[in-house]
């Protein structure tokens, strides 16, 4: 809830929020937050994580190789604003 609220405040609400049908994302509190900001809710079927496993592994590898390994260099050249420079 805190992370979604922070992103909405900082960057504005997304058009669509896609997630799995697990209890933390189907609660009235969470869906109410999204609806209050006019965000459409898209939910995959329960236990559909297997459908995305290959894409998730690709993104994990990409993030590790491109972000984690090069992050010390980027941080030293980036002002300390809390967000990476673009």
PDB file of N, CA and C in Angstrom:
ATOM      1  N   UNK A   1       0.835  -1.182   0.000  1.00  0.00           N
ATOM      2  CA  UNK A   1       0.000   0.000   0.000  1.00  0.00           C
ATOM      3  C   UNK A   1       0.885   1.253   0.000  1.00  0.00           C
ATOM      4  N   UNK A   2       1.901   1.251   0.872  1.00  0.00           N
ATOM      5  CA  UNK A   2       2.774   2.422   0.960  1.00  0.00           C
ATOM      6  C   UNK A   2       3.520   2.665  -0.351  1.00  0.00           C
ATOM      7  N   UNK A   3       4.027   1.603  -0.947  1.00  0.00           N
ATOM      8  CA  UNK A   3       4.785   1.746  -2.193  1.00  0.00           C
ATOM      9  C   UNK A   3       3.896   2.266  -3.323  1.00  0.00           C
ATOM     10  N   UNK A   4       2.694   1.733  -3.437  1.00  0.00           N
ATOM     11  CA  UNK A   4       1.783   2.185  -4.495  1.00  0.00           C
ATOM     12  C   UNK A   4       1.383   3.634  -4.260  1.00  0.00           C
ATOM     13  N   UNK A   5       1.086   3.990  -3.036  1.00  0.00           N
ATOM     14  CA  UNK A   5       0.727   5.379  -2.712  1.00  0.00           C
ATOM     15  C   UNK A   5       1.874   6.326  -3.036  1.00  0.00           C
ATOM     16  N   UNK A   6       3.096   5.910  -2.726  1.00  0.00           N
ATOM     17  CA  UNK A   6       4.265   6.755  -3.003  1.00  0.00           C
ATOM     18  C   UNK A   6       4.454   6.974  -4.497  1.00  0.00           C
ATOM     19  N   UNK A   7       4.287   5.917  -5.276  1.00  0.00           N
ATOM     20  CA  UNK A   7       4.441   6.043  -6.728  1.00  0.00           C
ATOM     21  C   UNK A   7       3.339   6.928  -7.314  1.00  0.00           C
ATOM     22  N   UNK A   8       2.117   6.757  -6.849  1.00  0.00           N
ATOM     23  CA  UNK A   8       1.013   7.588  -7.340  1.00  0.00           C
ATOM     24  C   UNK A   8       1.286   9.051  -7.021  1.00  0.00           C
ATOM     25  N   UNK A   9       1.763   9.339  -5.816  1.00  0.00           N
ATOM     26  CA  UNK A   9       2.064  10.715  -5.421  1.00  0.00           C
ATOM     27  C   UNK A   9       3.210  11.284  -6.245  1.00  0.00           C
ATOM     28  N   UNK A  10       4.228  10.489  -6.438  1.00  0.00           N
ATOM     29  CA  UNK A  10       5.428  10.953  -7.138  1.00  0.00           C
ATOM     30  C   UNK A  10       5.229  11.069  -8.646  1.00  0.00           C
ATOM     31  N   UNK A  11       4.670  10.029  -9.246  1.00  0.00           N
ATOM     32  CA  UNK A  11       4.648   9.925 -10.700  1.00  0.00           C
ATOM     33  C   UNK A  11       3.265   9.998 -11.324  1.00  0.00           C
ATOM     34  N   UNK A  12       2.244  10.004 -10.501  1.00  0.00           N
ATOM     35  CA  UNK A  12       0.883   9.981 -11.016  1.00  0.00           C
ATOM     36  C   UNK A  12       0.384   8.553 -11.148  1.00  0.00           C
ATOM     37  N   UNK A  13      -0.914   8.380 -11.222  1.00  0.00           N
ATOM     38  CA  UNK A  13      -1.470   7.028 -11.289  1.00  0.00           C
ATOM     39  C   UNK A  13      -1.276   6.402 -12.665  1.00  0.00           C
ATOM     40  N   UNK A  14      -1.011   5.101 -12.695  1.00  0.00           N
ATOM     41  CA  UNK A  14      -0.957   4.418 -13.993  1.00  0.00           C
ATOM     42  C   UNK A  14      -2.373   4.218 -14.520  1.00  0.00           C
ATOM     43  N   UNK A  15      -2.498   3.894 -15.783  1.00  0.00           N
ATOM     44  CA  UNK A  15      -3.812   3.612 -16.346  1.00  0.00           C
ATOM     45  C   UNK A  15      -4.329   2.264 -15.868  1.00  0.00           C
ATOM     46  N   UNK A  16      -3.430   1.264 -15.822  1.00  0.00           N
ATOM     47  CA  UNK A  16      -3.810  -0.108 -15.471  1.00  0.00           C
ATOM     48  C   UNK A  16      -2.813  -0.661 -14.458  1.00  0.00           C
ATOM     49  N   UNK A  17      -3.320  -1.411 -13.478  1.00  0.00           N
ATOM     50  CA  UNK A  17      -2.473  -2.111 -12.515  1.00  0.00           C
ATOM     51  C   UNK A  17      -2.747  -3.596 -12.684  1.00  0.00           C
ATOM     52  N   UNK A  18      -1.725  -4.358 -13.121  1.00  0.00           N
ATOM     53  CA  UNK A  18      -1.888  -5.787 -13.347  1.00  0.00           C
ATOM     54  C   UNK A  18      -1.214  -6.567 -12.239  1.00  0.00           C
ATOM     55  N   UNK A  19      -1.884  -7.581 -11.724  1.00  0.00           N
ATOM     56  CA  UNK A  19      -1.342  -8.384 -10.636  1.00  0.00           C
ATOM     57  C   UNK A  19      -1.961  -9.768 -10.640  1.00  0.00           C
ATOM     58  N   UNK A  20      -1.466 -10.601  -9.746  1.00  0.00           N
ATOM     59  CA  UNK A  20      -2.054 -11.932  -9.540  1.00  0.00           C
ATOM     60  C   UNK A  20      -3.218 -11.820  -8.569  1.00  0.00           C
ATOM     61  N   UNK A  21      -4.005 -12.877  -8.479  1.00  0.00           N
ATOM     62  CA  UNK A  21      -5.134 -12.895  -7.548  1.00  0.00           C
ATOM     63  C   UNK A  21      -4.698 -13.484  -6.212  1.00  0.00           C
ATOM     64  N   UNK A  22      -3.849 -12.787  -5.509  1.00  0.00           N
ATOM     65  CA  UNK A  22      -3.458 -13.204  -4.167  1.00  0.00           C
ATOM     66  C   UNK A  22      -4.060 -12.223  -3.176  1.00  0.00           C
ATOM     67  N   UNK A  23      -4.187 -12.628  -1.929  1.00  0.00           N
ATOM     68  CA  UNK A  23      -4.978 -11.874  -0.958  1.00  0.00           C
ATOM     69  C   UNK A  23      -4.546 -10.418  -0.798  1.00  0.00           C
ATOM     70  N   UNK A  24      -3.242 -10.128  -0.848  1.00  0.00           N
ATOM     71  CA  UNK A  24      -2.836  -8.736  -0.629  1.00  0.00           C
ATOM     72  C   UNK A  24      -3.278  -7.815  -1.764  1.00  0.00           C
ATOM     73  N   UNK A  25      -3.521  -8.365  -2.962  1.00  0.00           N
ATOM     74  CA  UNK A  25      -3.938  -7.543  -4.086  1.00  0.00           C
ATOM     75  C   UNK A  25      -5.441  -7.558  -4.315  1.00  0.00           C
ATOM     76  N   UNK A  26      -6.161  -8.439  -3.659  1.00  0.00           N
ATOM     77  CA  UNK A  26      -7.605  -8.490  -3.835  1.00  0.00           C
ATOM     78  C   UNK A  26      -8.356  -7.915  -2.648  1.00  0.00           C
ATOM     79  N   UNK A  27      -7.647  -7.428  -1.654  1.00  0.00           N
ATOM     80  CA  UNK A  27      -8.308  -6.862  -0.475  1.00  0.00           C
ATOM     81  C   UNK A  27      -9.069  -5.591  -0.852  1.00  0.00           C
ATOM     82  N   UNK A  28     -10.089  -5.303  -0.117  1.00  0.00           N
ATOM     83  CA  UNK A  28     -10.889  -4.097  -0.362  1.00  0.00           C
ATOM     84  C   UNK A  28     -10.034  -2.848  -0.186  1.00  0.00           C
ATOM     85  N   UNK A  29      -9.129  -2.878   0.761  1.00  0.00           N
ATOM     86  CA  UNK A  29      -8.260  -1.718   1.005  1.00  0.00           C
ATOM     87  C   UNK A  29      -7.393  -1.420  -0.220  1.00  0.00           C
ATOM     88  N   UNK A  30      -6.784  -2.462  -0.797  1.00  0.00           N
ATOM     89  CA  UNK A  30      -5.895  -2.266  -1.942  1.00  0.00           C
ATOM     90  C   UNK A  30      -6.664  -1.883  -3.194  1.00  0.00           C
ATOM     91  N   UNK A  31      -7.722  -2.640  -3.509  1.00  0.00           N
ATOM     92  CA  UNK A  31      -8.488  -2.323  -4.712  1.00  0.00           C
ATOM     93  C   UNK A  31      -9.178  -0.970  -4.578  1.00  0.00           C
ATOM     94  N   UNK A  32      -9.570  -0.607  -3.360  1.00  0.00           N
ATOM     95  CA  UNK A  32     -10.173   0.704  -3.133  1.00  0.00           C
ATOM     96  C   UNK A  32      -9.200   1.836  -3.416  1.00  0.00           C
ATOM     97  N   UNK A  33      -7.927   1.650  -3.047  1.00  0.00           N
ATOM     98  CA  UNK A  33      -6.902   2.660  -3.334  1.00  0.00           C
ATOM     99  C   UNK A  33      -6.774   2.868  -4.834  1.00  0.00           C
ATOM    100  N   UNK A  34      -6.721   1.768  -5.573  1.00  0.00           N
ATOM    101  CA  UNK A  34      -6.596   1.880  -7.027  1.00  0.00           C
ATOM    102  C   UNK A  34      -7.832   2.534  -7.638  1.00  0.00           C
ATOM    103  N   UNK A  35      -9.008   2.107  -7.210  1.00  0.00           N
ATOM    104  CA  UNK A  35     -10.247   2.673  -7.756  1.00  0.00           C
ATOM    105  C   UNK A  35     -10.390   4.150  -7.412  1.00  0.00           C
ATOM    106  N   UNK A  36      -9.931   4.556  -6.241  1.00  0.00           N
ATOM    107  CA  UNK A  36     -10.024   5.963  -5.839  1.00  0.00           C
ATOM    108  C   UNK A  36      -9.200   6.871  -6.758  1.00  0.00           C
ATOM    109  N   UNK A  37      -8.192   6.306  -7.409  1.00  0.00           N
ATOM    110  CA  UNK A  37      -7.351   7.076  -8.324  1.00  0.00           C
ATOM    111  C   UNK A  37      -7.701   6.809  -9.781  1.00  0.00           C
ATOM    112  N   UNK A  38      -8.818   6.092 -10.024  1.00  0.00           N
ATOM    113  CA  UNK A  38      -9.266   5.839 -11.387  1.00  0.00           C
ATOM    114  C   UNK A  38      -8.391   4.844 -12.144  1.00  0.00           C
ATOM    115  N   UNK A  39      -7.707   3.964 -11.418  1.00  0.00           N
ATOM    116  CA  UNK A  39      -6.821   2.987 -12.041  1.00  0.00           C
ATOM    117  C   UNK A  39      -7.618   1.720 -12.349  1.00  0.00           C
ATOM    118  N   UNK A  40      -7.525   1.248 -13.599  1.00  0.00           N
ATOM    119  CA  UNK A  40      -8.177  -0.001 -13.972  1.00  0.00           C
ATOM    120  C   UNK A  40      -7.402  -1.164 -13.365  1.00  0.00           C
ATOM    121  N   UNK A  41      -8.103  -2.168 -12.890  1.00  0.00           N
ATOM    122  CA  UNK A  41      -7.472  -3.309 -12.247  1.00  0.00           C
ATOM    123  C   UNK A  41      -7.544  -4.510 -13.177  1.00  0.00           C
ATOM    124  N   UNK A  42      -6.399  -5.102 -13.467  1.00  0.00           N
ATOM    125  CA  UNK A  42      -6.316  -6.288 -14.307  1.00  0.00           C
ATOM    126  C   UNK A  42      -5.669  -7.380 -13.479  1.00  0.00           C
ATOM    127  N   UNK A  43      -6.370  -8.513 -13.328  1.00  0.00           N
ATOM    128  CA  UNK A  43      -5.827  -9.614 -12.532  1.00  0.00           C
ATOM    129  C   UNK A  43      -5.739 -10.878 -13.357  1.00  0.00           C
ATOM    130  N   UNK A  44      -4.559 -11.491 -13.303  1.00  0.00           N
ATOM    131  CA  UNK A  44      -4.371 -12.796 -13.919  1.00  0.00           C
ATOM    132  C   UNK A  44      -5.121 -13.821 -13.083  1.00  0.00           C
ATOM    133  N   UNK A  45      -5.376 -14.969 -13.644  1.00  0.00           N
ATOM    134  CA  UNK A  45      -6.025 -16.036 -12.899  1.00  0.00           C
ATOM    135  C   UNK A  45      -5.174 -16.488 -11.720  1.00  0.00           C
ATOM    136  N   UNK A  46      -5.796 -17.047 -10.731  1.00  0.00           N
ATOM    137  CA  UNK A  46      -5.064 -17.533  -9.571  1.00  0.00           C
ATOM    138  C   UNK A  46      -4.011 -18.545 -10.006  1.00  0.00           C
ATOM    139  N   UNK A  47      -2.837 -18.437  -9.450  1.00  0.00           N
ATOM    140  CA  UNK A  47      -1.700 -19.317  -9.706  1.00  0.00           C
ATOM    141  C   UNK A  47      -1.216 -19.249 -11.155  1.00  0.00           C
ATOM    142  N   UNK A  48      -1.375 -18.096 -11.800  1.00  0.00           N
ATOM    143  CA  UNK A  48      -0.917 -17.938 -13.183  1.00  0.00           C
ATOM    144  C   UNK A  48       0.531 -17.480 -13.263  1.00  0.00           C
ATOM    145  N   UNK A  49       1.246 -17.500 -12.157  1.00  0.00           N
ATOM    146  CA  UNK A  49       2.647 -17.080 -12.165  1.00  0.00           C
ATOM    147  C   UNK A  49       3.471 -17.916 -13.131  1.00  0.00           C
ATOM    148  N   UNK A  50       3.070 -19.156 -13.361  1.00  0.00           N
ATOM    149  CA  UNK A  50       3.833 -20.021 -14.257  1.00  0.00           C
ATOM    150  C   UNK A  50       3.831 -19.490 -15.686  1.00  0.00           C
ATOM    151  N   UNK A  51       2.806 -18.776 -16.068  1.00  0.00           N
ATOM    152  CA  UNK A  51       2.725 -18.240 -17.427  1.00  0.00           C
ATOM    153  C   UNK A  51       3.814 -17.207 -17.674  1.00  0.00           C
ATOM    154  N   UNK A  52       4.287 -16.554 -16.640  1.00  0.00           N
ATOM    155  CA  UNK A  52       5.265 -15.489 -16.798  1.00  0.00           C
ATOM    156  C   UNK A  52       6.675 -15.879 -16.360  1.00  0.00           C
ATOM    157  N   UNK A  53       6.896 -17.122 -15.999  1.00  0.00           N
ATOM    158  CA  UNK A  53       8.163 -17.497 -15.387  1.00  0.00           C
ATOM    159  C   UNK A  53       9.361 -17.229 -16.304  1.00  0.00           C
ATOM    160  N   UNK A  54       9.236 -17.482 -17.585  1.00  0.00           N
ATOM    161  CA  UNK A  54      10.371 -17.261 -18.486  1.00  0.00           C
ATOM    162  C   UNK A  54      10.658 -15.772 -18.663  1.00  0.00           C
ATOM    163  N   UNK A  55       9.612 -14.971 -18.808  1.00  0.00           N
ATOM    164  CA  UNK A  55       9.813 -13.524 -18.921  1.00  0.00           C
ATOM    165  C   UNK A  55      10.402 -12.955 -17.636  1.00  0.00           C
ATOM    166  N   UNK A  56       9.943 -13.436 -16.484  1.00  0.00           N
ATOM    167  CA  UNK A  56      10.470 -12.956 -15.212  1.00  0.00           C
ATOM    168  C   UNK A  56      11.946 -13.298 -15.055  1.00  0.00           C
ATOM    169  N   UNK A  57      12.330 -14.488 -15.494  1.00  0.00           N
ATOM    170  CA  UNK A  57      13.742 -14.869 -15.423  1.00  0.00           C
ATOM    171  C   UNK A  57      14.588 -14.002 -16.340  1.00  0.00           C
ATOM    172  N   UNK A  58      14.076 -13.684 -17.516  1.00  0.00           N
ATOM    173  CA  UNK A  58      14.804 -12.809 -18.433  1.00  0.00           C
ATOM    174  C   UNK A  58      15.015 -11.439 -17.803  1.00  0.00           C
ATOM    175  N   UNK A  59      13.949 -10.843 -17.257  1.00  0.00           N
ATOM    176  CA  UNK A  59      14.068  -9.523 -16.647  1.00  0.00           C
ATOM    177  C   UNK A  59      14.992  -9.553 -15.439  1.00  0.00           C
ATOM    178  N   UNK A  60      14.960 -10.649 -14.663  1.00  0.00           N
ATOM    179  CA  UNK A  60      15.854 -10.773 -13.515  1.00  0.00           C
ATOM    180  C   UNK A  60      17.302 -10.757 -13.976  1.00  0.00           C
ATOM    181  N   UNK A  61      17.606 -11.515 -15.016  1.00  0.00           N
ATOM    182  CA  UNK A  61      18.972 -11.554 -15.546  1.00  0.00           C
ATOM    183  C   UNK A  61      19.383 -10.190 -16.084  1.00  0.00           C
ATOM    184  N   UNK A  62      18.493  -9.569 -16.836  1.00  0.00           N
ATOM    185  CA  UNK A  62      18.791  -8.263 -17.410  1.00  0.00           C
ATOM    186  C   UNK A  62      19.040  -7.226 -16.325  1.00  0.00           C
ATOM    187  N   UNK A  63      18.172  -7.203 -15.311  1.00  0.00           N
ATOM    188  CA  UNK A  63      18.356  -6.243 -14.222  1.00  0.00           C
ATOM    189  C   UNK A  63      19.660  -6.499 -13.486  1.00  0.00           C
ATOM    190  N   UNK A  64      19.989  -7.752 -13.253  1.00  0.00           N
ATOM    191  CA  UNK A  64      21.228  -8.065 -12.552  1.00  0.00           C
ATOM    192  C   UNK A  64      22.435  -7.604 -13.355  1.00  0.00           C
ATOM    193  N   UNK A  65      22.465  -7.937 -14.656  1.00  0.00           N
ATOM    194  CA  UNK A  65      23.620  -7.624 -15.483  1.00  0.00           C
ATOM    195  C   UNK A  65      23.737  -6.133 -15.796  1.00  0.00           C
ATOM    196  N   UNK A  66      22.626  -5.477 -16.067  1.00  0.00           N
ATOM    197  CA  UNK A  66      22.665  -4.087 -16.501  1.00  0.00           C
ATOM    198  C   UNK A  66      22.529  -3.073 -15.372  1.00  0.00           C
ATOM    199  N   UNK A  67      21.887  -3.447 -14.287  1.00  0.00           N
ATOM    200  CA  UNK A  67      21.667  -2.499 -13.199  1.00  0.00           C
ATOM    201  C   UNK A  67      22.579  -2.795 -12.024  1.00  0.00           C
ATOM    202  N   UNK A  68      22.512  -3.991 -11.496  1.00  0.00           N
ATOM    203  CA  UNK A  68      23.272  -4.311 -10.292  1.00  0.00           C
ATOM    204  C   UNK A  68      24.772  -4.234 -10.508  1.00  0.00           C
ATOM    205  N   UNK A  69      25.264  -4.750 -11.621  1.00  0.00           N
ATOM    206  CA  UNK A  69      26.696  -4.749 -11.855  1.00  0.00           C
ATOM    207  C   UNK A  69      27.244  -3.370 -12.180  1.00  0.00           C
ATOM    208  N   UNK A  70      26.434  -2.495 -12.752  1.00  0.00           N
ATOM    209  CA  UNK A  70      26.918  -1.164 -13.109  1.00  0.00           C
ATOM    210  C   UNK A  70      26.468  -0.088 -12.123  1.00  0.00           C
ATOM    211  N   UNK A  71      25.698  -0.450 -11.113  1.00  0.00           N
ATOM    212  CA  UNK A  71      25.154   0.531 -10.180  1.00  0.00           C
ATOM    213  C   UNK A  71      26.232   1.327  -9.438  1.00  0.00           C
ATOM    214  N   UNK A  72      27.329   0.748  -8.935  1.00  0.00           N
ATOM    215  CA  UNK A  72      28.319   1.573  -8.228  1.00  0.00           C
ATOM    216  C   UNK A  72      28.866   2.705  -9.087  1.00  0.00           C
ATOM    217  N   UNK A  73      29.092   2.463 -10.377  1.00  0.00           N
ATOM    218  CA  UNK A  73      29.564   3.530 -11.257  1.00  0.00           C
ATOM    219  C   UNK A  73      28.510   4.605 -11.417  1.00  0.00           C
ATOM    220  N   UNK A  74      27.283   4.214 -11.613  1.00  0.00           N
ATOM    221  CA  UNK A  74      26.210   5.185 -11.821  1.00  0.00           C
ATOM    222  C   UNK A  74      25.960   6.016 -10.575  1.00  0.00           C
ATOM    223  N   UNK A  75      26.008   5.407  -9.414  1.00  0.00           N
ATOM    224  CA  UNK A  75      25.744   6.148  -8.188  1.00  0.00           C
ATOM    225  C   UNK A  75      26.800   7.201  -7.920  1.00  0.00           C
ATOM    226  N   UNK A  76      28.044   6.919  -8.260  1.00  0.00           N
ATOM    227  CA  UNK A  76      29.096   7.891  -7.991  1.00  0.00           C
ATOM    228  C   UNK A  76      28.951   9.133  -8.864  1.00  0.00           C
ATOM    229  N   UNK A  77      28.309   9.007 -10.029  1.00  0.00           N
ATOM    230  CA  UNK A  77      28.142  10.140 -10.945  1.00  0.00           C
ATOM    231  C   UNK A  77      26.749  10.760 -10.847  1.00  0.00           C
ATOM    232  N   UNK A  78      25.899  10.228 -10.019  1.00  0.00           N
ATOM    233  CA  UNK A  78      24.514  10.685  -9.920  1.00  0.00           C
ATOM    234  C   UNK A  78      24.328  11.550  -8.679  1.00  0.00           C
ATOM    235  N   UNK A  79      23.693  12.716  -8.807  1.00  0.00           N
ATOM    236  CA  UNK A  79      23.398  13.510  -7.610  1.00  0.00           C
ATOM    237  C   UNK A  79      22.518  12.725  -6.657  1.00  0.00           C
ATOM    238  N   UNK A  80      22.633  12.959  -5.390  1.00  0.00           N
ATOM    239  CA  UNK A  80      21.871  12.223  -4.368  1.00  0.00           C
ATOM    240  C   UNK A  80      20.477  12.813  -4.214  1.00  0.00           C
ATOM    241  N   UNK A  81      19.606  12.534  -5.177  1.00  0.00           N
ATOM    242  CA  UNK A  81      18.234  13.049  -5.118  1.00  0.00           C
ATOM    243  C   UNK A  81      17.230  11.968  -4.747  1.00  0.00           C
ATOM    244  N   UNK A  82      17.693  10.718  -4.729  1.00  0.00           N
ATOM    245  CA  UNK A  82      16.780   9.629  -4.451  1.00  0.00           C
ATOM    246  C   UNK A  82      16.316   8.926  -5.712  1.00  0.00           C
ATOM    247  N   UNK A  83      16.467   9.583  -6.863  1.00  0.00           N
ATOM    248  CA  UNK A  83      16.087   8.974  -8.132  1.00  0.00           C
ATOM    249  C   UNK A  83      17.286   9.016  -9.058  1.00  0.00           C
ATOM    250  N   UNK A  84      17.513   7.972  -9.875  1.00  0.00           N
ATOM    251  CA  UNK A  84      18.634   7.993 -10.806  1.00  0.00           C
ATOM    252  C   UNK A  84      18.467   9.104 -11.835  1.00  0.00           C
ATOM    253  N   UNK A  85      19.581   9.661 -12.269  1.00  0.00           N
ATOM    254  CA  UNK A  85      19.546  10.690 -13.307  1.00  0.00           C
ATOM    255  C   UNK A  85      19.113  10.068 -14.623  1.00  0.00           C
ATOM    256  N   UNK A  86      18.436  10.832 -15.452  1.00  0.00           N
ATOM    257  CA  UNK A  86      17.993  10.303 -16.734  1.00  0.00           C
ATOM    258  C   UNK A  86      18.888  10.784 -17.837  1.00  0.00           C
TER     259      UNK A  86
END
